[in-house]
Amino acid sequence: MSKQLKIVTIKVNGHDRSKAIVSSMTLLEFLREELDMTGTKKGCDLGECGCCSVLIEGKPMLSCLTLALEVVGKSVITIEGIADGSQLHPVQQAMVEQGAIQCGYCTPGMVINGVDLIENNPDPTSDEIKQCVSATICRCTGYTKIEKAMKVAIKKSSGVKYYRRTDSLFKKEEVL
């Protein structure tokens, strides 16, 4: 018996993407297999490691636990949609500058959660930064450099609201 395909349209990084998929396909599979967007990583495939984090309607979610059908008509932002062309987001830039990237496997999830933290809490406490970072398992760095990178990104973002959502795309806008 063949599986029935459904045509879905999902807004990914500001662009409507339509594909025929099986109803059991996860968002992670949709991104990686159907759209060839491999920045979002498949780690544990159980929702425990955070490597597959994406923003769905502005909230970090685990794409390995989310069916693609659940996000039809919604906005999804992946790691590929965080930078503004060649200009890295402050979280990405700070991760590079602080040597917070080792193997890089956890980096997309860390960045997604860091962007969410800065957007929703421009002055987080150290405990809030640790909570943000702990949402993604890193097997290489021990988190110290990642936490420092988040603090540097927060400092660089002071006075600027990065990534206010406008038409499902991120825009840089000065905060008055």
C-alpha atoms as a PDB file:
ATOM      1  CA  MET A   1       0.000   0.000   0.000  1.00  0.00           C
ATOM      2  CA  SER A   2       1.431   3.383  -0.974  1.00  0.00           C
ATOM      3  CA  LYS A   3       1.434   6.306   1.415  1.00  0.00           C
ATOM      4  CA  GLN A   4      -0.817   9.205   0.537  1.00  0.00           C
ATOM      5  CA  LEU A   5       0.935  12.470  -0.073  1.00  0.00           C
ATOM      6  CA  LYS A   6      -0.385  15.844   0.996  1.00  0.00           C
ATOM      7  CA  ILE A   7       0.707  19.113  -0.533  1.00  0.00           C
ATOM      8  CA  VAL A   8       1.704  21.557   2.200  1.00  0.00           C
ATOM      9  CA  THR A   9       2.927  25.143   2.187  1.00  0.00           C
ATOM     10  CA  ILE A  10       5.140  26.308   5.008  1.00  0.00           C
ATOM     11  CA  LYS A  11       6.740  29.744   5.271  1.00  0.00           C
ATOM     12  CA  VAL A  12      10.426  29.070   5.885  1.00  0.00           C
ATOM     13  CA  ASN A  13      12.743  32.033   6.421  1.00  0.00           C
ATOM     14  CA  GLY A  14      10.154  34.327   4.857  1.00  0.00           C
ATOM     15  CA  HIS A  15       9.492  32.250   1.741  1.00  0.00           C
ATOM     16  CA  ASP A  16       6.503  29.985   1.072  1.00  0.00           C
ATOM     17  CA  ARG A  17       7.748  26.487   0.362  1.00  0.00           C
ATOM     18  CA  SER A  18       5.321  23.905  -1.039  1.00  0.00           C
ATOM     19  CA  LYS A  19       6.027  20.192  -1.157  1.00  0.00           C
ATOM     20  CA  ALA A  20       4.110  16.921  -1.294  1.00  0.00           C
ATOM     21  CA  ILE A  21       4.778  15.011   1.924  1.00  0.00           C
ATOM     22  CA  VAL A  22       3.525  12.059   3.942  1.00  0.00           C
ATOM     23  CA  SER A  23       1.530  13.058   7.014  1.00  0.00           C
ATOM     24  CA  SER A  24       4.085  11.461   9.379  1.00  0.00           C
ATOM     25  CA  MET A  25       6.978  13.674   8.186  1.00  0.00           C
ATOM     26  CA  THR A  26       8.525  15.795  10.907  1.00  0.00           C
ATOM     27  CA  LEU A  27       9.472  19.414  10.358  1.00  0.00           C
ATOM     28  CA  LEU A  28      13.115  18.380  10.721  1.00  0.00           C
ATOM     29  CA  GLU A  29      12.736  15.876   7.876  1.00  0.00           C
ATOM     30  CA  PHE A  30      10.875  18.470   5.784  1.00  0.00           C
ATOM     31  CA  LEU A  31      13.673  21.002   6.228  1.00  0.00           C
ATOM     32  CA  ARG A  32      16.577  18.629   5.682  1.00  0.00           C
ATOM     33  CA  GLU A  33      15.174  16.184   3.121  1.00  0.00           C
ATOM     34  CA  GLU A  34      12.643  18.200   1.150  1.00  0.00           C
ATOM     35  CA  LEU A  35      14.239  21.657   1.255  1.00  0.00           C
ATOM     36  CA  ASP A  36      17.897  20.568   1.562  1.00  0.00           C
ATOM     37  CA  MET A  37      18.322  22.964   4.510  1.00  0.00           C
ATOM     38  CA  THR A  38      20.823  21.025   6.570  1.00  0.00           C
ATOM     39  CA  GLY A  39      21.710  23.735   9.100  1.00  0.00           C
ATOM     40  CA  THR A  40      19.101  22.401  11.506  1.00  0.00           C
ATOM     41  CA  LYS A  41      20.709  19.271  12.950  1.00  0.00           C
ATOM     42  CA  LYS A  42      19.326  15.842  13.707  1.00  0.00           C
ATOM     43  CA  GLY A  43      20.779  14.881  17.067  1.00  0.00           C
ATOM     44  CA  CYS A  44      18.886  12.542  19.353  1.00  0.00           C
ATOM     45  CA  ASP A  45      15.608  12.542  17.375  1.00  0.00           C
ATOM     46  CA  LEU A  46      13.864  12.338  20.770  1.00  0.00           C
ATOM     47  CA  GLY A  47      13.567  16.020  21.666  1.00  0.00           C
ATOM     48  CA  GLU A  48      16.250  15.895  24.330  1.00  0.00           C
ATOM     49  CA  CYS A  49      19.356  17.484  22.777  1.00  0.00           C
ATOM     50  CA  GLY A  50      18.000  20.717  21.249  1.00  0.00           C
ATOM     51  CA  CYS A  51      20.120  20.521  18.082  1.00  0.00           C
ATOM     52  CA  CYS A  52      16.987  20.666  15.920  1.00  0.00           C
ATOM     53  CA  SER A  53      15.630  23.909  17.415  1.00  0.00           C
ATOM     54  CA  VAL A  54      13.903  26.362  15.070  1.00  0.00           C
ATOM     55  CA  LEU A  55      11.646  29.347  15.670  1.00  0.00           C
ATOM     56  CA  ILE A  56       7.983  28.645  14.936  1.00  0.00           C
ATOM     57  CA  GLU A  57       5.882  31.783  15.069  1.00  0.00           C
ATOM     58  CA  GLY A  58       8.753  33.312  17.024  1.00  0.00           C
ATOM     59  CA  LYS A  59       9.056  30.597  19.665  1.00  0.00           C
ATOM     60  CA  PRO A  60      11.866  28.033  19.876  1.00  0.00           C
ATOM     61  CA  MET A  61      10.537  24.570  19.133  1.00  0.00           C
ATOM     62  CA  LEU A  62      12.065  21.165  18.518  1.00  0.00           C
ATOM     63  CA  SER A  63      11.632  20.315  14.851  1.00  0.00           C
ATOM     64  CA  CYS A  64      12.210  16.583  15.465  1.00  0.00           C
ATOM     65  CA  LEU A  65       9.025  16.459  17.576  1.00  0.00           C
ATOM     66  CA  THR A  66       6.923  18.711  15.356  1.00  0.00           C
ATOM     67  CA  LEU A  67       5.042  17.302  12.405  1.00  0.00           C
ATOM     68  CA  ALA A  68       5.397  19.343   9.233  1.00  0.00           C
ATOM     69  CA  LEU A  69       1.589  19.344   8.990  1.00  0.00           C
ATOM     70  CA  GLU A  70       1.435  21.208  12.324  1.00  0.00           C
ATOM     71  CA  VAL A  71       3.203  24.257  10.906  1.00  0.00           C
ATOM     72  CA  VAL A  72       1.265  24.665   7.666  1.00  0.00           C
ATOM     73  CA  GLY A  73       0.540  28.372   7.291  1.00  0.00           C
ATOM     74  CA  LYS A  74       2.978  29.279  10.078  1.00  0.00           C
ATOM     75  CA  SER A  75       6.318  31.045   9.976  1.00  0.00           C
ATOM     76  CA  VAL A  76       9.433  28.936  10.577  1.00  0.00           C
ATOM     77  CA  ILE A  77      12.864  30.490  10.992  1.00  0.00           C
ATOM     78  CA  THR A  78      15.864  28.175  10.756  1.00  0.00           C
ATOM     79  CA  ILE A  79      19.531  28.868  11.395  1.00  0.00           C
ATOM     80  CA  GLU A  80      19.827  29.737   7.691  1.00  0.00           C
ATOM     81  CA  GLY A  81      17.407  32.624   8.251  1.00  0.00           C
ATOM     82  CA  ILE A  82      19.169  34.221  11.227  1.00  0.00           C
ATOM     83  CA  ALA A  83      21.951  36.164   9.491  1.00  0.00           C
ATOM     84  CA  ASP A  84      21.143  39.197   7.352  1.00  0.00           C
ATOM     85  CA  GLY A  85      22.905  38.184   4.166  1.00  0.00           C
ATOM     86  CA  SER A  86      26.600  38.095   5.034  1.00  0.00           C
ATOM     87  CA  GLN A  87      26.097  40.053   8.272  1.00  0.00           C
ATOM     88  CA  LEU A  88      25.910  37.656  11.176  1.00  0.00           C
ATOM     89  CA  HIS A  89      23.457  38.144  14.018  1.00  0.00           C
ATOM     90  CA  PRO A  90      25.249  39.307  17.206  1.00  0.00           C
ATOM     91  CA  VAL A  91      24.792  35.832  18.733  1.00  0.00           C
ATOM     92  CA  GLN A  92      26.461  34.206  15.732  1.00  0.00           C
ATOM     93  CA  GLN A  93      29.259  36.780  15.677  1.00  0.00           C
ATOM     94  CA  ALA A  94      29.917  36.435  19.410  1.00  0.00           C
ATOM     95  CA  MET A  95      30.008  32.634  19.150  1.00  0.00           C
ATOM     96  CA  VAL A  96      32.753  32.965  16.525  1.00  0.00           C
ATOM     97  CA  GLU A  97      34.684  35.678  18.380  1.00  0.00           C
ATOM     98  CA  GLN A  98      34.586  33.876  21.731  1.00  0.00           C
ATOM     99  CA  GLY A  99      35.640  30.501  20.345  1.00  0.00           C
ATOM    100  CA  ALA A 100      32.324  29.025  21.431  1.00  0.00           C
ATOM    101  CA  ILE A 101      32.101  26.718  18.426  1.00  0.00           C
ATOM    102  CA  GLN A 102      33.897  23.399  18.523  1.00  0.00           C
ATOM    103  CA  CYS A 103      32.389  20.684  16.348  1.00  0.00           C
ATOM    104  CA  GLY A 104      29.467  22.985  15.488  1.00  0.00           C
ATOM    105  CA  TYR A 105      26.752  20.401  15.842  1.00  0.00           C
ATOM    106  CA  CYS A 106      24.952  22.162  18.693  1.00  0.00           C
ATOM    107  CA  THR A 107      25.601  25.670  17.326  1.00  0.00           C
ATOM    108  CA  PRO A 108      22.346  26.089  15.351  1.00  0.00           C
ATOM    109  CA  GLY A 109      20.249  25.209  18.404  1.00  0.00           C
ATOM    110  CA  MET A 110      22.349  27.451  20.656  1.00  0.00           C
ATOM    111  CA  VAL A 111      22.007  30.356  18.235  1.00  0.00           C
ATOM    112  CA  ILE A 112      18.235  29.900  17.814  1.00  0.00           C
ATOM    113  CA  ASN A 113      17.737  29.891  21.594  1.00  0.00           C
ATOM    114  CA  GLY A 114      20.142  32.809  22.055  1.00  0.00           C
ATOM    115  CA  VAL A 115      18.312  34.913  19.463  1.00  0.00           C
ATOM    116  CA  ASP A 116      15.038  34.163  21.239  1.00  0.00           C
ATOM    117  CA  LEU A 117      16.543  35.116  24.608  1.00  0.00           C
ATOM    118  CA  ILE A 118      17.899  38.450  23.377  1.00  0.00           C
ATOM    119  CA  GLU A 119      14.706  39.290  21.512  1.00  0.00           C
ATOM    120  CA  ASN A 120      12.476  38.632  24.502  1.00  0.00           C
ATOM    121  CA  ASN A 121      14.779  39.586  27.360  1.00  0.00           C
ATOM    122  CA  PRO A 122      17.361  42.253  26.470  1.00  0.00           C
ATOM    123  CA  ASP A 123      18.877  42.184  29.977  1.00  0.00           C
ATOM    124  CA  PRO A 124      18.883  38.550  31.168  1.00  0.00           C
ATOM    125  CA  THR A 125      20.481  37.421  34.400  1.00  0.00           C
ATOM    126  CA  SER A 126      23.340  34.921  34.433  1.00  0.00           C
ATOM    127  CA  ASP A 127      20.870  32.234  35.509  1.00  0.00           C
ATOM    128  CA  GLU A 128      18.587  33.056  32.564  1.00  0.00           C
ATOM    129  CA  ILE A 129      21.549  32.813  30.185  1.00  0.00           C
ATOM    130  CA  LYS A 130      22.508  29.435  31.709  1.00  0.00           C
ATOM    131  CA  GLN A 131      18.922  28.241  31.331  1.00  0.00           C
ATOM    132  CA  CYS A 132      18.920  29.329  27.674  1.00  0.00           C
ATOM    133  CA  VAL A 133      22.215  27.581  26.957  1.00  0.00           C
ATOM    134  CA  SER A 134      21.131  24.420  28.781  1.00  0.00           C
ATOM    135  CA  ALA A 135      18.289  23.940  26.280  1.00  0.00           C
ATOM    136  CA  THR A 136      20.858  22.471  23.874  1.00  0.00           C
ATOM    137  CA  ILE A 137      23.360  19.769  24.727  1.00  0.00           C
ATOM    138  CA  CYS A 138      26.973  20.540  23.839  1.00  0.00           C
ATOM    139  CA  ARG A 139      29.418  17.688  24.068  1.00  0.00           C
ATOM    140  CA  CYS A 140      32.542  19.767  23.349  1.00  0.00           C
ATOM    141  CA  THR A 141      32.882  23.109  25.096  1.00  0.00           C
ATOM    142  CA  GLY A 142      31.545  22.742  28.618  1.00  0.00           C
ATOM    143  CA  TYR A 143      29.260  25.766  28.053  1.00  0.00           C
ATOM    144  CA  THR A 144      31.574  28.422  29.570  1.00  0.00           C
ATOM    145  CA  LYS A 145      32.536  29.964  26.216  1.00  0.00           C
ATOM    146  CA  ILE A 146      28.955  29.701  24.981  1.00  0.00           C
ATOM    147  CA  GLU A 147      27.659  31.560  28.035  1.00  0.00           C
ATOM    148  CA  LYS A 148      30.346  34.211  27.555  1.00  0.00           C
ATOM    149  CA  ALA A 149      29.374  34.550  23.892  1.00  0.00           C
ATOM    150  CA  MET A 150      25.743  35.103  24.889  1.00  0.00           C
ATOM    151  CA  LYS A 151      26.814  37.848  27.317  1.00  0.00           C
ATOM    152  CA  VAL A 152      28.914  39.517  24.598  1.00  0.00           C
ATOM    153  CA  ALA A 153      25.998  39.319  22.147  1.00  0.00           C
ATOM    154  CA  ILE A 154      23.650  40.853  24.710  1.00  0.00           C
ATOM    155  CA  LYS A 155      26.069  43.709  25.321  1.00  0.00           C
ATOM    156  CA  LYS A 156      26.469  44.332  21.565  1.00  0.00           C
ATOM    157  CA  SER A 157      22.696  44.270  21.132  1.00  0.00           C
ATOM    158  CA  SER A 158      22.081  46.866  23.847  1.00  0.00           C
ATOM    159  CA  GLY A 159      19.968  49.686  22.410  1.00  0.00           C
ATOM    160  CA  VAL A 160      19.184  47.805  19.215  1.00  0.00           C
ATOM    161  CA  LYS A 161      16.265  45.466  18.743  1.00  0.00           C
ATOM    162  CA  TYR A 162      17.606  42.796  16.407  1.00  0.00           C
ATOM    163  CA  TYR A 163      15.121  40.675  14.646  1.00  0.00           C
ATOM    164  CA  ARG A 164      11.774  42.262  15.340  1.00  0.00           C
ATOM    165  CA  ARG A 165       9.433  40.258  13.160  1.00  0.00           C
ATOM    166  CA  THR A 166       8.000  42.049  10.169  1.00  0.00           C
ATOM    167  CA  ASP A 167       6.193  39.917   7.619  1.00  0.00           C
ATOM    168  CA  SER A 168       7.904  36.815   9.081  1.00  0.00           C
ATOM    169  CA  LEU A 169      11.353  38.151   8.237  1.00  0.00           C
ATOM    170  CA  PHE A 170      13.842  39.529  10.681  1.00  0.00           C
ATOM    171  CA  LYS A 171      14.583  43.230  10.508  1.00  0.00           C
ATOM    172  CA  LYS A 172      17.079  45.291  12.433  1.00  0.00           C
ATOM    173  CA  GLU A 173      15.448  48.252  14.122  1.00  0.00           C
ATOM    174  CA  GLU A 174      16.745  50.847  16.575  1.00  0.00           C
ATOM    175  CA  VAL A 175      14.973  50.932  19.904  1.00  0.00           C
ATOM    176  CA  LEU A 176      14.143  54.431  21.076  1.00  0.00           C
END
